[in-house]
N, C-alpha and C. Protein backbone atom coordinates (compact mmCIF):
# COMPACT_ATOMS: atom_id res chain seq x y z
N MET A 1 0.74 -1.22 -0.32
CA MET A 1 0.12 0.45 -0.39
C MET A 1 1.17 1.69 0.04
N GLU A 2 0.55 2.15 -1.13
CA GLU A 2 1.29 3.93 -1.19
C GLU A 2 0.57 4.30 -0.17
N ARG A 3 1.85 4.81 0.62
CA ARG A 3 1.59 5.76 2.08
C ARG A 3 2.31 7.12 1.85
N PRO A 4 1.90 7.79 2.40
CA PRO A 4 2.16 9.65 2.49
C PRO A 4 2.99 9.86 2.92
N LEU A 5 3.98 10.76 2.25
CA LEU A 5 4.92 11.21 2.92
C LEU A 5 5.03 11.58 4.31
N VAL A 6 5.46 11.49 5.05
CA VAL A 6 6.03 12.11 6.48
C VAL A 6 6.70 13.49 6.29
N ILE A 7 6.08 14.22 6.56
CA ILE A 7 6.89 15.78 6.22
C ILE A 7 6.96 16.65 7.88
N GLY A 8 8.37 17.10 8.38
CA GLY A 8 8.29 17.66 9.57
C GLY A 8 7.69 18.64 9.55
N HIS A 9 6.57 19.40 10.30
CA HIS A 9 6.52 20.44 10.40
C HIS A 9 7.31 21.68 11.61
N ARG A 10 8.02 22.39 10.57
CA ARG A 10 8.97 23.52 11.12
C ARG A 10 9.85 22.19 12.06
N GLY A 11 10.21 20.97 11.53
CA GLY A 11 11.09 19.93 12.34
C GLY A 11 10.19 19.22 12.77
N ALA A 12 10.07 19.26 14.27
CA ALA A 12 9.69 18.47 14.98
C ALA A 12 9.03 19.08 16.33
N ARG A 13 8.18 20.44 15.68
CA ARG A 13 7.81 21.56 16.69
C ARG A 13 7.73 21.00 18.16
N TYR A 14 7.16 19.54 18.52
CA TYR A 14 6.28 19.52 19.77
C TYR A 14 7.40 18.34 20.77
N VAL A 15 8.82 18.60 20.17
CA VAL A 15 9.70 17.60 20.63
C VAL A 15 10.82 19.11 20.71
N VAL A 16 11.41 19.10 19.71
CA VAL A 16 12.34 20.11 19.51
C VAL A 16 12.23 21.47 19.26
N LYS A 17 13.03 22.53 19.53
CA LYS A 17 12.50 23.73 19.41
C LYS A 17 12.22 24.05 17.61
N GLU A 18 11.33 24.70 17.28
CA GLU A 18 10.85 24.49 15.84
C GLU A 18 11.94 25.60 15.05
N ASN A 19 11.66 25.13 13.84
CA ASN A 19 12.80 25.66 13.06
C ASN A 19 14.22 26.17 13.08
N THR A 20 15.19 25.08 13.74
CA THR A 20 16.32 24.88 14.09
C THR A 20 17.00 23.66 13.20
N LEU A 21 18.22 23.80 13.39
CA LEU A 21 19.05 22.54 12.02
C LEU A 21 18.31 20.99 13.06
N GLN A 22 18.58 21.68 14.70
CA GLN A 22 18.08 20.28 15.72
C GLN A 22 17.16 19.87 15.52
N ALA A 23 16.04 20.31 15.26
CA ALA A 23 14.78 19.84 15.04
C ALA A 23 14.42 19.46 13.73
N PHE A 24 15.11 19.91 12.57
CA PHE A 24 15.18 19.09 10.79
C PHE A 24 15.74 17.50 11.49
N THR A 25 16.90 18.06 11.89
CA THR A 25 17.72 16.66 12.71
C THR A 25 16.92 15.54 12.89
N TYR A 26 16.17 15.94 13.77
CA TYR A 26 15.07 14.98 14.95
C TYR A 26 14.35 14.39 14.14
N ALA A 27 13.54 15.55 13.07
CA ALA A 27 12.65 14.48 12.45
C ALA A 27 13.37 13.69 11.36
N LEU A 28 14.02 14.24 10.63
CA LEU A 28 14.91 12.67 9.87
C LEU A 28 15.60 12.08 10.41
N GLU A 29 15.91 11.79 11.22
CA GLU A 29 16.66 10.68 12.26
C GLU A 29 15.53 9.64 12.81
N ASN A 30 14.64 10.24 12.77
CA ASN A 30 13.42 9.76 13.38
C ASN A 30 12.25 9.22 11.86
N GLY A 31 12.59 8.97 11.17
CA GLY A 31 11.96 8.45 10.22
C GLY A 31 11.06 9.62 9.25
N ALA A 32 10.87 10.72 9.51
CA ALA A 32 10.18 11.79 8.56
C ALA A 32 10.90 11.22 6.77
N ASP A 33 9.96 11.40 6.24
CA ASP A 33 10.68 12.00 4.79
C ASP A 33 11.46 13.19 4.09
N GLY A 34 10.98 14.20 4.97
CA GLY A 34 11.77 15.10 4.69
C GLY A 34 10.62 16.42 5.60
N VAL A 35 10.92 17.38 5.39
CA VAL A 35 10.61 18.52 6.37
C VAL A 35 10.00 19.88 5.98
N GLU A 36 9.66 20.92 6.65
CA GLU A 36 8.73 21.91 6.35
C GLU A 36 9.54 23.15 7.26
N CYS A 37 9.77 24.46 6.40
CA CYS A 37 10.75 25.37 7.24
C CYS A 37 9.96 26.87 6.51
N ASP A 38 9.94 27.63 7.41
CA ASP A 38 9.36 29.28 7.24
C ASP A 38 10.60 30.05 6.86
N VAL A 39 10.59 31.26 5.93
CA VAL A 39 11.64 31.62 5.16
C VAL A 39 10.99 33.42 5.29
N TRP A 40 11.99 34.27 5.86
CA TRP A 40 11.85 35.59 5.84
C TRP A 40 13.10 36.03 5.55
N LYS A 41 13.45 37.20 5.05
CA LYS A 41 14.49 38.04 3.96
C LYS A 41 14.54 39.01 5.11
N ALA A 42 16.37 38.81 5.82
CA ALA A 42 16.59 39.82 6.88
C ALA A 42 16.99 41.19 5.74
N ARG A 43 17.63 42.32 6.67
CA ARG A 43 18.05 43.63 6.02
C ARG A 43 18.91 43.75 5.14
N ASP A 44 19.67 42.42 5.28
CA ASP A 44 20.99 42.64 4.17
C ASP A 44 20.41 41.48 2.92
N GLY A 45 19.37 40.90 3.47
CA GLY A 45 18.93 39.98 1.99
C GLY A 45 19.12 38.94 2.11
N SER A 46 19.96 38.51 3.37
CA SER A 46 20.20 36.98 3.72
C SER A 46 18.45 36.30 3.76
N LEU A 47 18.52 34.95 3.67
CA LEU A 47 17.18 34.65 4.09
C LEU A 47 17.28 33.49 5.29
N VAL A 48 16.50 33.70 6.31
CA VAL A 48 16.61 33.06 7.59
C VAL A 48 15.42 32.60 8.01
N VAL A 49 15.39 31.50 8.39
CA VAL A 49 14.42 30.46 8.75
C VAL A 49 13.43 30.55 10.12
N THR A 50 12.35 31.15 10.05
CA THR A 50 11.83 31.32 11.19
C THR A 50 10.24 31.73 11.35
N HIS A 51 9.42 31.05 11.90
CA HIS A 51 7.62 31.35 11.55
C HIS A 51 7.34 32.84 11.44
N ASN A 52 7.84 33.30 12.58
CA ASN A 52 7.40 34.69 12.52
C ASN A 52 8.58 35.56 12.14
N ARG A 53 7.79 37.22 12.05
CA ARG A 53 8.62 38.08 11.35
C ARG A 53 9.70 38.39 12.36
N GLU A 54 9.09 38.64 13.73
CA GLU A 54 9.78 39.10 14.50
C GLU A 54 10.38 37.92 15.73
N ILE A 55 11.48 38.05 15.90
CA ILE A 55 12.23 36.85 16.87
C ILE A 55 11.95 37.73 18.30
N GLU A 56 12.00 36.22 19.46
CA GLU A 56 12.15 36.91 20.63
C GLU A 56 13.51 36.35 21.18
N ILE A 57 14.37 37.32 21.68
CA ILE A 57 15.53 37.63 22.46
C ILE A 57 15.09 38.21 23.93
N GLY A 58 15.69 37.40 24.31
CA GLY A 58 14.84 37.73 25.93
C GLY A 58 13.81 37.75 25.97
N LYS A 59 13.29 39.44 27.01
CA LYS A 59 12.08 39.96 26.74
C LYS A 59 11.54 40.81 25.35
N ARG A 60 12.64 40.51 24.93
CA ARG A 60 12.19 41.79 23.50
C ARG A 60 11.75 41.00 22.04
N LYS A 61 11.57 41.84 21.42
CA LYS A 61 10.82 41.06 20.13
C LYS A 61 11.94 42.28 19.09
N TYR A 62 12.25 41.76 17.92
CA TYR A 62 13.09 41.98 17.18
C TYR A 62 12.47 41.67 15.77
N ASP A 63 12.54 43.20 14.77
CA ASP A 63 11.58 42.63 13.45
C ASP A 63 12.78 41.84 12.67
N VAL A 64 12.86 40.38 12.28
CA VAL A 64 14.20 40.07 11.35
C VAL A 64 14.43 41.14 10.05
N LYS A 65 12.91 41.32 9.18
CA LYS A 65 13.01 42.27 8.67
C LYS A 65 14.32 43.94 8.20
N SER A 66 14.37 43.97 10.06
CA SER A 66 15.10 45.29 10.29
C SER A 66 16.65 44.77 10.86
N LEU A 67 16.94 43.46 10.45
CA LEU A 67 18.25 43.34 11.25
C LEU A 67 19.08 42.57 9.97
N THR A 68 20.65 42.56 10.26
CA THR A 68 21.58 41.81 9.20
C THR A 68 21.64 40.78 9.56
N LEU A 69 22.29 39.22 9.15
CA LEU A 69 22.67 38.04 9.21
C LEU A 69 23.18 37.97 10.70
N ARG A 70 24.19 38.88 10.47
CA ARG A 70 25.28 38.98 11.63
C ARG A 70 24.64 39.32 12.84
N GLN A 71 23.81 40.04 12.56
CA GLN A 71 23.35 40.57 14.06
C GLN A 71 22.10 39.53 14.64
N ILE A 72 21.46 38.92 13.81
CA ILE A 72 20.54 38.00 14.16
C ILE A 72 21.40 36.58 14.71
N LYS A 73 22.33 36.36 14.07
CA LYS A 73 23.17 35.43 14.75
C LYS A 73 23.86 35.26 15.72
N SER A 74 24.14 37.26 15.86
CA SER A 74 24.92 37.33 17.57
C SER A 74 23.86 37.55 18.19
N MET A 75 22.47 37.35 18.36
CA MET A 75 21.80 37.19 19.40
C MET A 75 21.22 36.09 19.59
N LYS A 76 20.63 35.52 18.67
CA LYS A 76 20.24 34.29 18.49
C LYS A 76 20.65 32.82 17.38
N PRO A 77 22.04 32.39 17.98
CA PRO A 77 22.86 31.63 16.79
C PRO A 77 21.83 30.37 16.47
N THR A 78 20.76 30.00 17.10
CA THR A 78 19.55 28.85 16.39
C THR A 78 19.08 29.14 15.19
N VAL A 79 18.83 30.11 15.22
CA VAL A 79 18.62 31.03 13.85
C VAL A 79 19.36 30.27 12.47
N PRO A 80 18.84 29.33 11.89
CA PRO A 80 19.56 28.79 10.48
C PRO A 80 19.56 30.13 9.31
N THR A 81 20.47 29.88 8.36
CA THR A 81 19.75 30.33 7.25
C THR A 81 19.29 29.49 6.53
N LEU A 82 18.52 29.70 5.03
CA LEU A 82 17.82 28.61 4.58
C LEU A 82 19.35 27.74 3.58
N LYS A 83 19.87 28.75 3.45
CA LYS A 83 21.35 27.83 2.72
C LYS A 83 22.15 26.47 3.58
N GLU A 84 21.88 26.87 5.16
CA GLU A 84 22.39 25.90 5.75
C GLU A 84 21.22 24.42 6.09
N VAL A 85 19.94 25.05 6.06
CA VAL A 85 18.82 24.22 5.77
C VAL A 85 18.90 22.92 4.81
N LEU A 86 18.62 23.73 3.62
CA LEU A 86 19.13 23.18 2.44
C LEU A 86 19.92 21.87 2.54
N ALA A 87 21.53 22.68 3.10
CA ALA A 87 22.90 21.73 2.81
C ALA A 87 22.61 20.51 3.73
N LEU A 88 21.91 20.67 5.05
CA LEU A 88 21.19 19.32 5.87
C LEU A 88 20.30 18.52 5.42
N VAL A 89 18.87 19.16 4.99
CA VAL A 89 18.26 18.25 4.93
C VAL A 89 18.23 17.47 2.94
N VAL A 90 18.72 18.51 2.18
CA VAL A 90 18.59 18.25 0.74
C VAL A 90 19.84 17.37 0.69
N GLY A 91 21.11 18.24 0.92
CA GLY A 91 22.38 17.47 0.47
C GLY A 91 23.03 16.45 1.48
N LYS A 92 22.71 16.63 2.93
CA LYS A 92 23.43 15.56 3.87
C LYS A 92 21.99 14.86 4.09
N TYR A 93 20.76 14.86 3.75
CA TYR A 93 19.91 13.60 4.02
C TYR A 93 19.38 13.06 2.36
N LYS A 94 19.25 13.96 1.72
CA LYS A 94 18.98 13.70 1.03
C LYS A 94 17.22 13.32 1.06
N ALA A 95 16.39 14.50 1.62
CA ALA A 95 15.19 14.20 1.78
C ALA A 95 14.50 15.48 1.27
N LYS A 96 12.88 15.44 1.12
CA LYS A 96 12.34 16.39 0.75
C LYS A 96 12.51 17.63 1.64
N LEU A 97 12.07 18.93 1.18
CA LEU A 97 12.13 19.93 1.78
C LEU A 97 11.39 21.00 1.22
N PHE A 98 10.19 21.37 1.97
CA PHE A 98 8.91 22.42 1.49
C PHE A 98 9.26 23.70 2.62
N VAL A 99 9.78 24.75 1.43
CA VAL A 99 10.08 26.19 2.20
C VAL A 99 8.72 26.91 2.09
N GLU A 100 8.41 27.09 3.26
CA GLU A 100 7.38 28.05 3.33
C GLU A 100 7.36 29.47 2.67
N LEU A 101 7.32 30.19 2.23
CA LEU A 101 7.56 31.76 1.83
C LEU A 101 7.03 32.64 2.83
N LYS A 102 7.06 33.17 3.45
CA LYS A 102 6.54 34.01 4.49
C LYS A 102 6.06 35.47 3.63
N ASP A 103 7.97 35.83 3.22
CA ASP A 103 7.95 37.07 2.84
C ASP A 103 7.47 37.35 1.19
N PRO A 104 7.03 37.96 0.97
CA PRO A 104 6.78 37.85 -0.79
C PRO A 104 7.81 38.89 -0.95
N SER A 105 8.40 39.71 -0.70
CA SER A 105 9.73 40.39 -1.08
C SER A 105 10.88 39.66 -1.30
N ALA A 106 10.66 38.38 -1.14
CA ALA A 106 12.20 37.11 -0.93
C ALA A 106 12.21 36.05 -2.46
N THR A 107 11.32 36.44 -3.00
CA THR A 107 10.97 35.87 -4.32
C THR A 107 12.24 35.57 -4.97
N GLU A 108 12.99 36.75 -5.52
CA GLU A 108 13.97 36.79 -6.31
C GLU A 108 15.35 36.06 -5.64
N LYS A 109 15.43 36.52 -4.68
CA LYS A 109 16.70 36.14 -3.43
C LYS A 109 16.26 34.49 -3.44
N LEU A 110 15.06 34.04 -3.28
CA LEU A 110 14.71 32.48 -2.85
C LEU A 110 15.17 31.80 -4.24
N ASP A 111 14.72 32.29 -5.59
CA ASP A 111 15.34 32.06 -6.83
C ASP A 111 16.50 31.47 -6.78
N GLN A 112 17.42 32.93 -6.44
CA GLN A 112 19.40 32.81 -6.65
C GLN A 112 19.55 31.72 -5.64
N THR A 113 18.69 31.72 -3.97
CA THR A 113 19.38 30.29 -3.41
C THR A 113 19.11 29.05 -3.80
N LEU A 114 18.03 29.03 -4.17
CA LEU A 114 17.38 27.58 -4.95
C LEU A 114 18.02 26.92 -6.16
N GLU A 115 18.89 27.62 -6.78
CA GLU A 115 19.49 27.75 -7.89
C GLU A 115 20.49 26.16 -8.16
N GLY A 116 19.72 25.32 -8.89
CA GLY A 116 20.88 24.06 -8.77
C GLY A 116 19.90 22.92 -7.78
N TRP A 117 19.31 23.67 -6.73
CA TRP A 117 18.51 22.54 -5.68
C TRP A 117 17.67 21.69 -6.33
N GLU A 118 17.35 20.45 -5.91
CA GLU A 118 16.31 19.64 -6.23
C GLU A 118 15.94 18.88 -5.38
N ASN A 119 14.24 18.30 -5.72
CA ASN A 119 13.63 17.76 -4.37
C ASN A 119 13.34 19.03 -2.75
N VAL A 120 12.68 20.16 -3.85
CA VAL A 120 12.13 21.17 -2.78
C VAL A 120 10.96 21.94 -3.34
N THR A 121 10.09 22.26 -2.81
CA THR A 121 9.09 22.68 -3.22
C THR A 121 8.93 24.10 -2.22
N VAL A 122 8.75 24.92 -2.86
CA VAL A 122 7.94 26.42 -2.58
C VAL A 122 6.24 26.10 -2.01
N ILE A 123 6.17 26.59 -0.77
CA ILE A 123 4.83 26.38 -0.92
C ILE A 123 4.60 28.25 -0.47
N SER A 124 3.42 28.73 -0.67
CA SER A 124 2.94 29.98 0.19
C SER A 124 1.32 30.13 -0.04
N PHE A 125 0.96 31.22 0.95
CA PHE A 125 -0.26 31.78 1.10
C PHE A 125 -0.93 32.89 0.10
N TYR A 126 0.91 33.46 -0.52
CA TYR A 126 0.72 34.36 -1.60
C TYR A 126 0.85 33.81 -3.04
N ALA A 127 -0.41 33.77 -3.48
CA ALA A 127 -0.30 33.89 -4.91
C ALA A 127 0.56 34.41 -5.69
N PRO A 128 0.16 35.92 -5.72
CA PRO A 128 1.01 36.57 -6.53
C PRO A 128 2.82 36.61 -6.49
N ALA A 129 3.13 35.75 -5.04
CA ALA A 129 4.71 35.78 -4.94
C ALA A 129 5.14 34.10 -5.71
N LEU A 130 3.91 33.27 -5.74
CA LEU A 130 4.08 32.03 -6.42
C LEU A 130 4.19 32.51 -8.04
N ARG A 131 3.34 33.62 -8.47
CA ARG A 131 3.73 33.67 -9.83
C ARG A 131 5.11 34.29 -10.43
N GLU A 132 5.33 35.12 -9.41
CA GLU A 132 6.51 35.98 -9.92
C GLU A 132 8.03 34.49 -9.59
N LEU A 133 7.96 33.54 -8.67
CA LEU A 133 8.63 32.92 -8.51
C LEU A 133 8.94 31.85 -9.68
N LYS A 134 10.30 31.64 -10.03
CA LYS A 134 10.66 30.83 -11.21
C LYS A 134 11.04 29.61 -11.02
N TYR A 135 11.38 29.18 -9.49
CA TYR A 135 11.81 27.84 -9.05
C TYR A 135 10.21 26.85 -9.78
N PRO A 136 10.81 25.82 -10.30
CA PRO A 136 10.02 25.01 -11.03
C PRO A 136 8.68 24.50 -10.06
N SER A 137 9.19 23.81 -8.64
CA SER A 137 8.50 23.29 -7.99
C SER A 137 7.47 24.22 -6.77
N LYS A 138 6.12 24.64 -6.98
CA LYS A 138 5.84 25.57 -6.08
C LYS A 138 4.47 24.57 -5.67
N GLY A 139 3.86 25.35 -4.53
CA GLY A 139 2.57 24.83 -3.66
C GLY A 139 1.90 25.71 -3.23
N LEU A 140 0.74 26.49 -3.27
CA LEU A 140 -0.55 26.85 -2.72
C LEU A 140 -1.00 26.45 -1.89
N LEU A 141 -0.81 27.56 -0.53
CA LEU A 141 -1.42 26.91 0.82
C LEU A 141 -2.71 27.62 0.80
N PHE A 142 -3.59 27.00 1.53
CA PHE A 142 -5.11 27.73 1.53
C PHE A 142 -5.84 27.11 2.82
N VAL A 143 -6.91 28.13 3.68
CA VAL A 143 -7.36 27.50 4.77
C VAL A 143 -8.91 27.66 4.65
N LEU A 144 -9.14 27.88 3.21
CA LEU A 144 -10.68 27.93 2.91
C LEU A 144 -10.88 27.15 1.97
N ARG A 145 -11.98 26.32 1.84
CA ARG A 145 -12.51 25.29 0.69
C ARG A 145 -13.02 26.33 -0.72
N PRO A 146 -12.16 25.83 -1.53
CA PRO A 146 -12.49 26.84 -2.59
C PRO A 146 -13.38 26.04 -3.85
N LEU A 147 -14.29 27.32 -4.26
CA LEU A 147 -15.73 26.77 -4.86
C LEU A 147 -15.01 25.67 -5.86
N SER A 148 -13.83 25.96 -6.85
CA SER A 148 -13.30 25.78 -7.68
C SER A 148 -12.02 25.51 -7.92
N LEU A 149 -11.23 24.74 -7.64
CA LEU A 149 -10.06 24.25 -7.33
C LEU A 149 -9.25 25.14 -8.90
N SER A 150 -9.52 24.32 -9.59
CA SER A 150 -8.89 24.82 -11.31
C SER A 150 -9.12 26.44 -11.33
N SER A 151 -10.05 26.93 -10.64
CA SER A 151 -9.95 28.53 -10.71
C SER A 151 -9.38 29.04 -10.05
N LEU A 152 -8.81 28.52 -8.70
CA LEU A 152 -7.68 28.91 -7.86
C LEU A 152 -6.51 28.74 -8.22
N VAL A 153 -6.38 28.08 -8.57
CA VAL A 153 -4.58 27.70 -9.29
C VAL A 153 -4.28 28.42 -10.91
N GLU A 154 -5.46 28.77 -11.12
CA GLU A 154 -5.22 29.04 -12.65
C GLU A 154 -3.93 30.09 -12.67
N GLY A 155 -2.99 29.71 -13.49
CA GLY A 155 -2.00 30.80 -13.97
C GLY A 155 -0.87 30.70 -12.85
N LEU A 156 -0.75 29.72 -11.84
CA LEU A 156 -0.03 29.60 -11.08
C LEU A 156 1.54 28.78 -11.28
N ASN A 157 1.21 27.81 -12.32
CA ASN A 157 1.98 27.16 -12.82
C ASN A 157 2.66 26.11 -11.48
N ILE A 158 1.69 25.78 -10.49
CA ILE A 158 2.04 24.84 -9.45
C ILE A 158 2.04 23.71 -9.67
N GLU A 159 3.28 22.54 -8.81
CA GLU A 159 2.79 21.23 -8.64
C GLU A 159 2.06 20.60 -7.23
N TRP A 160 2.01 21.68 -6.46
CA TRP A 160 1.44 21.09 -5.44
C TRP A 160 0.08 22.37 -4.98
N ILE A 161 -0.62 21.34 -4.18
CA ILE A 161 -1.84 22.37 -2.96
C ILE A 161 -1.38 21.56 -1.86
N ALA A 162 -1.56 22.65 -0.63
CA ALA A 162 -1.85 22.74 0.27
C ALA A 162 -2.67 23.13 1.50
N PRO A 163 -3.41 22.13 1.24
CA PRO A 163 -4.73 22.44 2.06
C PRO A 163 -4.79 21.97 3.66
N ARG A 164 -5.38 22.71 4.35
CA ARG A 164 -5.30 22.44 5.58
C ARG A 164 -6.33 21.22 5.83
N ARG A 165 -6.26 20.06 6.66
CA ARG A 165 -6.76 18.70 6.78
C ARG A 165 -7.71 18.79 6.73
N ASP A 166 -8.54 20.13 7.08
CA ASP A 166 -10.12 19.79 7.52
C ASP A 166 -10.68 20.15 6.42
N MET A 167 -10.34 20.20 5.32
CA MET A 167 -10.55 21.29 3.98
C MET A 167 -10.79 19.87 3.08
N ILE A 168 -9.85 18.82 3.40
CA ILE A 168 -9.99 17.38 2.03
C ILE A 168 -10.94 16.75 2.47
N ASP A 169 -11.33 16.50 1.31
CA ASP A 169 -12.87 15.54 1.10
C ASP A 169 -12.47 14.41 -0.41
N GLU A 170 -12.79 13.50 -0.46
CA GLU A 170 -12.73 12.82 -1.66
C GLU A 170 -12.79 13.88 -3.22
N LYS A 171 -13.78 15.01 -2.87
CA LYS A 171 -14.21 15.40 -4.22
C LYS A 171 -12.67 16.79 -4.49
N LEU A 172 -12.23 17.29 -3.44
CA LEU A 172 -10.93 17.91 -3.52
C LEU A 172 -10.16 16.79 -4.21
N MET A 173 -9.74 15.94 -3.38
CA MET A 173 -8.48 14.91 -4.23
C MET A 173 -8.75 14.47 -5.43
N ASP A 174 -10.36 14.28 -5.92
CA ASP A 174 -10.30 14.22 -7.51
C ASP A 174 -10.20 15.05 -8.23
N GLU A 175 -10.44 16.50 -7.45
CA GLU A 175 -10.04 17.65 -8.26
C GLU A 175 -8.60 18.11 -9.03
N ALA A 176 -7.90 17.56 -7.57
CA ALA A 176 -6.74 17.51 -7.12
C ALA A 176 -5.79 16.89 -8.62
N LYS A 177 -6.76 15.69 -8.55
CA LYS A 177 -5.57 14.37 -9.61
C LYS A 177 -6.19 14.77 -11.32
N ASP A 178 -7.19 15.14 -10.86
CA ASP A 178 -7.49 15.57 -12.38
C ASP A 178 -6.69 16.98 -13.09
N LEU A 179 -6.43 18.01 -12.29
CA LEU A 179 -5.56 18.96 -12.48
C LEU A 179 -3.89 18.70 -12.69
N GLY A 180 -3.97 17.38 -12.38
CA GLY A 180 -2.34 16.75 -11.99
C GLY A 180 -1.40 17.60 -10.77
N LEU A 181 -2.27 17.77 -9.43
CA LEU A 181 -1.81 18.18 -8.45
C LEU A 181 -1.43 16.98 -7.21
N LYS A 182 -0.20 17.40 -6.51
CA LYS A 182 -0.06 16.49 -5.81
C LYS A 182 -0.61 17.63 -4.16
N VAL A 183 -1.08 16.70 -3.34
CA VAL A 183 -1.69 17.30 -2.31
C VAL A 183 -0.90 17.22 -0.92
N LEU A 184 -0.49 18.03 -0.22
CA LEU A 184 0.18 18.17 1.09
C LEU A 184 -0.60 18.48 1.81
N SER A 185 -1.11 17.61 3.43
CA SER A 185 -2.18 17.89 3.93
C SER A 185 -1.43 18.34 5.17
N TRP A 186 -2.12 19.30 5.75
CA TRP A 186 -1.69 20.02 7.65
C TRP A 186 -2.93 20.27 8.29
N LEU A 187 -2.77 19.40 9.41
CA LEU A 187 -1.28 18.93 10.58
C LEU A 187 -2.23 17.30 10.81
N HIS A 188 -1.31 16.85 11.06
CA HIS A 188 -1.77 15.17 11.42
C HIS A 188 -0.96 14.70 12.46
N ASN A 189 -1.80 15.16 13.60
CA ASN A 189 -1.05 15.16 15.08
C ASN A 189 -1.93 13.94 15.81
N THR A 190 -2.08 13.07 15.65
CA THR A 190 -2.81 12.41 16.22
C THR A 190 -3.14 10.95 15.08
N PRO A 191 -3.03 9.59 16.09
CA PRO A 191 -3.46 8.64 15.26
C PRO A 191 -4.41 8.88 14.30
N LYS A 192 -6.03 9.37 14.67
CA LYS A 192 -6.81 9.43 14.26
C LYS A 192 -6.34 10.03 12.86
N GLU A 193 -5.84 11.21 12.69
CA GLU A 193 -5.63 12.32 11.73
C GLU A 193 -4.46 11.48 10.60
N VAL A 194 -3.72 10.58 11.17
CA VAL A 194 -2.96 10.08 10.56
C VAL A 194 -3.84 9.03 9.79
N ARG A 195 -4.60 8.60 10.01
CA ARG A 195 -5.56 7.50 9.05
C ARG A 195 -6.25 8.11 8.34
N GLU A 196 -6.44 9.17 8.40
CA GLU A 196 -7.22 10.04 7.41
C GLU A 196 -6.54 10.15 6.38
N ALA A 197 -5.12 10.63 6.92
CA ALA A 197 -3.89 11.24 5.12
C ALA A 197 -4.64 9.74 4.62
N LEU A 198 -4.22 8.56 4.94
CA LEU A 198 -3.79 7.47 4.45
C LEU A 198 -4.93 7.03 3.36
N LYS A 199 -6.51 7.69 3.97
CA LYS A 199 -7.88 7.05 3.73
C LYS A 199 -7.61 7.78 2.52
N LEU A 200 -7.59 9.03 2.51
CA LEU A 200 -7.86 9.74 1.34
C LEU A 200 -6.89 9.91 0.36
N LYS A 201 -5.36 8.96 0.67
CA LYS A 201 -4.60 8.96 -0.57
C LYS A 201 -3.58 10.47 -0.46
N VAL A 202 -3.64 11.21 0.41
CA VAL A 202 -2.51 12.37 0.22
C VAL A 202 -1.25 12.08 -0.31
N ASP A 203 -0.72 12.84 -1.29
CA ASP A 203 0.23 12.64 -1.42
C ASP A 203 1.70 13.08 -0.32
N ALA A 204 1.66 14.00 0.44
CA ALA A 204 2.51 14.03 2.00
C ALA A 204 1.24 14.71 2.95
N MET A 205 1.94 14.69 4.64
CA MET A 205 1.44 15.21 5.47
C MET A 205 1.89 15.76 6.36
N ALA A 206 1.69 16.93 6.88
CA ALA A 206 2.86 17.74 7.77
C ALA A 206 2.25 17.43 9.28
N THR A 207 3.34 16.80 10.04
CA THR A 207 2.58 16.68 11.56
C THR A 207 4.21 17.15 12.45
N ASP A 208 3.57 17.73 13.67
CA ASP A 208 4.91 18.26 14.64
C ASP A 208 5.08 17.31 15.24
N ARG A 209 4.20 15.68 15.16
CA ARG A 209 5.12 14.57 15.67
C ARG A 209 5.97 13.74 14.65
N PRO A 210 6.76 14.53 14.07
CA PRO A 210 6.77 13.33 12.72
C PRO A 210 7.57 11.22 13.10
N ASP A 211 8.18 11.90 14.01
CA ASP A 211 8.87 10.27 15.14
C ASP A 211 7.51 9.30 15.39
N LEU A 212 6.43 9.72 15.86
CA LEU A 212 5.32 9.01 16.57
C LEU A 212 4.32 8.94 15.29
N ALA A 213 3.96 9.98 13.95
CA ALA A 213 3.34 9.72 12.95
C ALA A 213 3.75 8.57 11.92
N VAL A 214 5.17 8.27 11.81
CA VAL A 214 5.73 7.63 11.02
C VAL A 214 5.20 6.14 11.83
N LYS A 215 5.19 6.23 13.16
CA LYS A 215 4.80 4.46 13.81
C LYS A 215 3.43 4.77 13.22
N TRP A 216 2.51 5.24 13.79
CA TRP A 216 1.05 5.40 13.57
C TRP A 216 0.71 5.08 11.98
N LEU A 217 1.60 5.40 10.83
CA LEU A 217 1.47 5.12 9.78
C LEU A 217 1.83 3.76 9.91
N ARG A 218 2.94 3.51 9.97
CA ARG A 218 2.97 1.92 9.65
C ARG A 218 1.98 0.80 10.31
N SER A 219 1.77 1.26 12.01
CA SER A 219 0.89 0.67 12.26
C SER A 219 -0.65 0.21 11.61
N SER A 220 -1.10 1.84 11.21
CA SER A 220 -2.41 1.57 10.13
C SER A 220 -2.22 1.11 9.08
N ILE A 221 -1.07 0.80 8.36
CA ILE A 221 -0.75 0.26 7.24
C ILE A 221 -0.82 -1.18 7.49
N LYS A 222 0.09 -1.86 8.74
CA LYS A 222 -0.11 -3.12 8.61
C LYS A 222 -1.20 -3.74 9.35
N SER A 223 -2.23 -2.95 9.65
CA SER A 223 -4.13 -3.16 9.96
C SER A 223 -4.50 -3.09 8.63
N LEU A 224 -4.65 -2.60 7.68
CA LEU A 224 -4.85 -2.11 6.81
C LEU A 224 -4.92 -3.59 5.78
N ASP A 225 -3.56 -3.68 5.96
CA ASP A 225 -2.69 -5.12 4.90
C ASP A 225 -3.51 -6.80 5.59
N HIS A 226 -3.50 -6.38 7.15
CA HIS A 226 -3.88 -7.54 7.55
C HIS A 226 -5.39 -7.75 6.99
N TRP A 227 -6.35 -6.96 6.87
CA TRP A 227 -7.30 -6.93 7.07
C TRP A 227 -8.00 -7.38 5.44
N PHE A 228 -7.10 -6.92 4.47
CA PHE A 228 -7.22 -7.33 3.11
C PHE A 228 -6.93 -8.91 2.77
N GLN A 229 -5.75 -9.49 3.71
CA GLN A 229 -5.30 -10.56 3.64
C GLN A 229 -7.03 -11.65 4.20
N SER A 230 -7.38 -11.34 5.03
CA SER A 230 -7.87 -11.66 5.70
C SER A 230 -9.82 -12.33 4.96
N GLN A 231 -9.66 -11.32 3.92
CA GLN A 231 -10.97 -11.40 3.17
C GLN A 231 -10.91 -12.24 2.29
């Protein structure tokens, strides 16, 4: 039975501090097929991996876009650059990397950084940014069920859609298949939610507990295989 790829959301954020090299390493060492990270552009043009535009250092918050990479690293060394994440995830582990583009102004720099890299998909809620991006593997994030999937993705030239888990049903999966789109579903953090991903035959599922999701997935597949064999 085919199974969805297990993607560690921000690494393994329920276990290790999110969006750090340690979190990505933990996810991949514990069976994840890939990870997802978030990207912002710093003041000097460097792409840094952090979910929020503001980073907390002590009791203060700093705007990433107002700081240089050197300033960020001096205050918070655990914040990695996208280049560091690429080298670890795709270079060392040969794993899949989903890069969520949080900063629409970073498309040109992102294209430059990803040049020559494979097994990477850029995802974003910002459709105009995806249109600007030249990198070939792209995906659209969304949280509301579209009336027409074909209208939603028209002109984006994307390979993936990334809907929230509760947006997905058989109809959406059929539409995606007809359009030649792969589906990344998020988030699957319980055994029941993992079974849903397997039942709907999504291509990949994001989870905050990739270590457990891998085990739950194997258990679900084993149970289904046993059921089919008994029929």
